[in-house]
Protein backbone atom coordinates (compact mmCIF):
# COMPACT_ATOMS: atom_id res chain seq x y z
CA UNK A 1 31.69 109.90 -72.08
CA UNK A 2 29.74 108.73 -69.04
CA UNK A 3 31.22 108.66 -65.55
CA UNK A 4 29.14 105.62 -64.67
CA UNK A 5 30.77 102.38 -63.60
CA UNK A 6 29.14 99.57 -65.56
CA UNK A 7 29.11 96.19 -63.84
CA UNK A 8 28.12 92.78 -65.19
CA UNK A 9 27.77 89.96 -62.67
CA UNK A 10 27.04 86.26 -62.75
CA UNK A 11 27.07 83.28 -60.43
CA UNK A 12 27.22 79.59 -61.27
CA UNK A 13 27.10 76.26 -59.49
CA UNK A 14 27.95 72.69 -60.48
CA UNK A 15 25.32 70.96 -58.43
CA UNK A 16 22.96 73.10 -56.39
CA UNK A 17 24.24 73.00 -53.72
CA UNK A 18 27.69 72.22 -54.98
CA UNK A 19 30.91 73.83 -56.10
CA UNK A 20 30.14 77.40 -57.10
CA UNK A 21 31.74 80.44 -58.62
CA UNK A 22 31.05 84.10 -59.18
CA UNK A 23 32.32 86.57 -61.74
CA UNK A 24 32.14 90.30 -62.31
CA UNK A 25 33.24 92.70 -65.01
CA UNK A 26 33.64 96.35 -63.99
CA UNK A 27 34.03 99.02 -66.66
CA UNK A 28 34.87 102.67 -66.13
CA UNK A 29 35.69 104.74 -69.19
CA UNK A 30 38.48 102.81 -70.96
CA UNK A 31 39.34 100.67 -67.91
CA UNK A 32 38.11 97.13 -67.29
CA UNK A 33 38.57 95.07 -64.13
CA UNK A 34 37.60 91.41 -63.89
CA UNK A 35 36.98 89.57 -60.64
CA UNK A 36 36.14 85.97 -59.83
CA UNK A 37 36.11 83.53 -56.97
CA UNK A 38 34.54 80.32 -55.84
CA UNK A 39 33.44 78.17 -52.94
CA UNK A 40 33.42 74.41 -52.42
CA UNK A 41 29.86 74.12 -51.11
CA UNK A 42 27.37 76.81 -52.02
CA UNK A 43 24.27 77.53 -54.10
CA UNK A 44 23.68 79.35 -57.35
CA UNK A 45 21.77 82.13 -55.57
CA UNK A 46 24.60 82.62 -53.08
CA UNK A 47 27.08 82.97 -55.94
CA UNK A 48 24.80 85.44 -57.78
CA UNK A 49 24.74 87.56 -54.62
CA UNK A 50 28.50 87.24 -54.08
CA UNK A 51 29.20 88.45 -57.61
CA UNK A 52 27.37 91.71 -56.97
CA UNK A 53 28.77 92.12 -53.46
CA UNK A 54 32.37 91.56 -54.51
CA UNK A 55 32.05 93.93 -57.47
CA UNK A 56 30.68 96.74 -55.33
CA UNK A 57 33.13 96.10 -52.49
CA UNK A 58 36.00 96.42 -54.99
CA UNK A 59 35.13 100.10 -55.50
CA UNK A 60 37.17 102.63 -53.55
CA UNK A 61 34.75 105.56 -53.61
CA UNK A 62 31.04 106.28 -54.09
CA UNK A 63 30.00 105.88 -57.72
CA UNK A 64 27.12 105.99 -60.12
CA UNK A 65 26.64 102.31 -60.95
CA UNK A 66 24.81 100.54 -63.72
CA UNK A 67 24.58 96.88 -62.73
CA UNK A 68 23.54 94.13 -65.12
CA UNK A 69 22.58 90.71 -63.77
CA UNK A 70 20.79 87.72 -65.23
CA UNK A 71 19.49 86.83 -61.76
CA UNK A 72 15.86 87.75 -61.14
CA UNK A 73 16.45 86.62 -57.55
CA UNK A 74 19.10 89.30 -57.01
CA UNK A 75 17.25 92.04 -58.86
CA UNK A 76 13.83 91.45 -57.30
CA UNK A 77 15.41 90.93 -53.90
CA UNK A 78 17.40 94.16 -53.84
CA UNK A 79 14.84 96.40 -55.57
CA UNK A 80 11.64 95.08 -54.02
CA UNK A 81 11.63 92.26 -51.48
CA UNK A 82 14.32 93.67 -49.18
CA UNK A 83 12.11 96.54 -48.01
CA UNK A 84 9.62 94.18 -46.37
CA UNK A 85 12.30 91.76 -45.19
CA UNK A 86 13.88 94.54 -43.18
CA UNK A 87 10.50 95.72 -41.84
CA UNK A 88 9.74 92.16 -40.74
CA UNK A 89 13.14 91.56 -39.10
CA UNK A 90 14.42 89.48 -42.01
CA UNK A 91 11.32 87.30 -42.32
CA UNK A 92 9.47 86.52 -45.55
CA UNK A 93 5.81 87.22 -46.20
CA UNK A 94 5.21 83.65 -44.97
CA UNK A 95 7.00 84.61 -41.71
CA UNK A 96 9.95 82.31 -42.44
CA UNK A 97 13.59 83.41 -42.19
CA UNK A 98 14.94 84.99 -45.38
CA UNK A 99 17.34 82.61 -47.12
CA UNK A 100 20.85 84.01 -47.45
CA UNK A 101 20.02 86.85 -45.05
CA UNK A 102 23.73 87.29 -44.23
CA UNK A 103 24.48 88.00 -47.89
CA UNK A 104 21.42 90.23 -48.32
CA UNK A 105 22.54 92.28 -45.28
CA UNK A 106 26.04 92.55 -46.72
CA UNK A 107 24.69 93.65 -50.11
CA UNK A 108 22.36 96.15 -48.47
CA UNK A 109 25.27 97.64 -46.53
CA UNK A 110 27.60 97.94 -49.52
CA UNK A 111 25.09 99.65 -51.82
CA UNK A 112 24.41 102.52 -49.44
CA UNK A 113 27.29 104.71 -50.67
CA UNK A 114 26.32 104.41 -54.34
CA UNK A 115 23.59 105.46 -56.73
CA UNK A 116 22.63 102.30 -58.59
CA UNK A 117 20.54 101.55 -61.64
CA UNK A 118 19.72 97.83 -61.84
CA UNK A 119 19.10 96.00 -65.13
CA UNK A 120 18.13 92.44 -65.89
CA UNK A 121 19.86 90.87 -68.88
CA UNK A 122 18.91 87.51 -70.33
CA UNK A 123 21.65 84.99 -69.62
CA UNK A 124 23.41 83.14 -72.42
CA UNK A 125 21.91 85.43 -75.03
CA UNK A 126 25.08 86.87 -76.55
CA UNK A 127 25.41 89.92 -74.29
CA UNK A 128 29.18 90.39 -74.21
CA UNK A 129 29.40 91.60 -70.61
CA UNK A 130 27.13 88.88 -69.29
CA UNK A 131 28.95 86.19 -71.27
CA UNK A 132 32.29 87.33 -69.82
CA UNK A 133 30.88 87.40 -66.27
CA UNK A 134 29.60 83.85 -66.85
CA UNK A 135 33.03 82.73 -68.04
CA UNK A 136 34.60 84.30 -64.93
CA UNK A 137 32.06 82.53 -62.69
CA UNK A 138 33.03 79.21 -64.28
CA UNK A 139 36.70 80.08 -63.80
CA UNK A 140 35.87 80.66 -60.14
CA UNK A 141 34.40 77.15 -59.99
CA UNK A 142 37.51 75.72 -61.60
CA UNK A 143 39.70 77.27 -58.90
CA UNK A 144 37.81 75.21 -56.30
CA UNK A 145 37.86 71.82 -58.01
């Protein structure tokens, strides 16, 4: 059996911006932990980022992580774009401020202690972990309405 922690994350928004929620499913061996939360005024991308951040921040020690997200924004941002953002003092290639830089900095800080493999999963395609994370994100929205 693997010692990896498997994480599925999702964010959702009703209106963009609007009421949003995030959800995460963490699995380690036979254990499962589910997390969710929401905010009154946010964006879908902010909730996608919060789902990953909150899942990683819930861990109490460095881990091998396998993270599944249906957000290309999160995956491209953390595996590719962030390198140049940091080199350019959190500016984009067009020399504009990076949107959600506070959340990107927080995510960058919380991943440092872990070894992470990132995977994109198609949303709403029957993947059990992604579907549960989506349901938790919607539950997070419901807690704010």
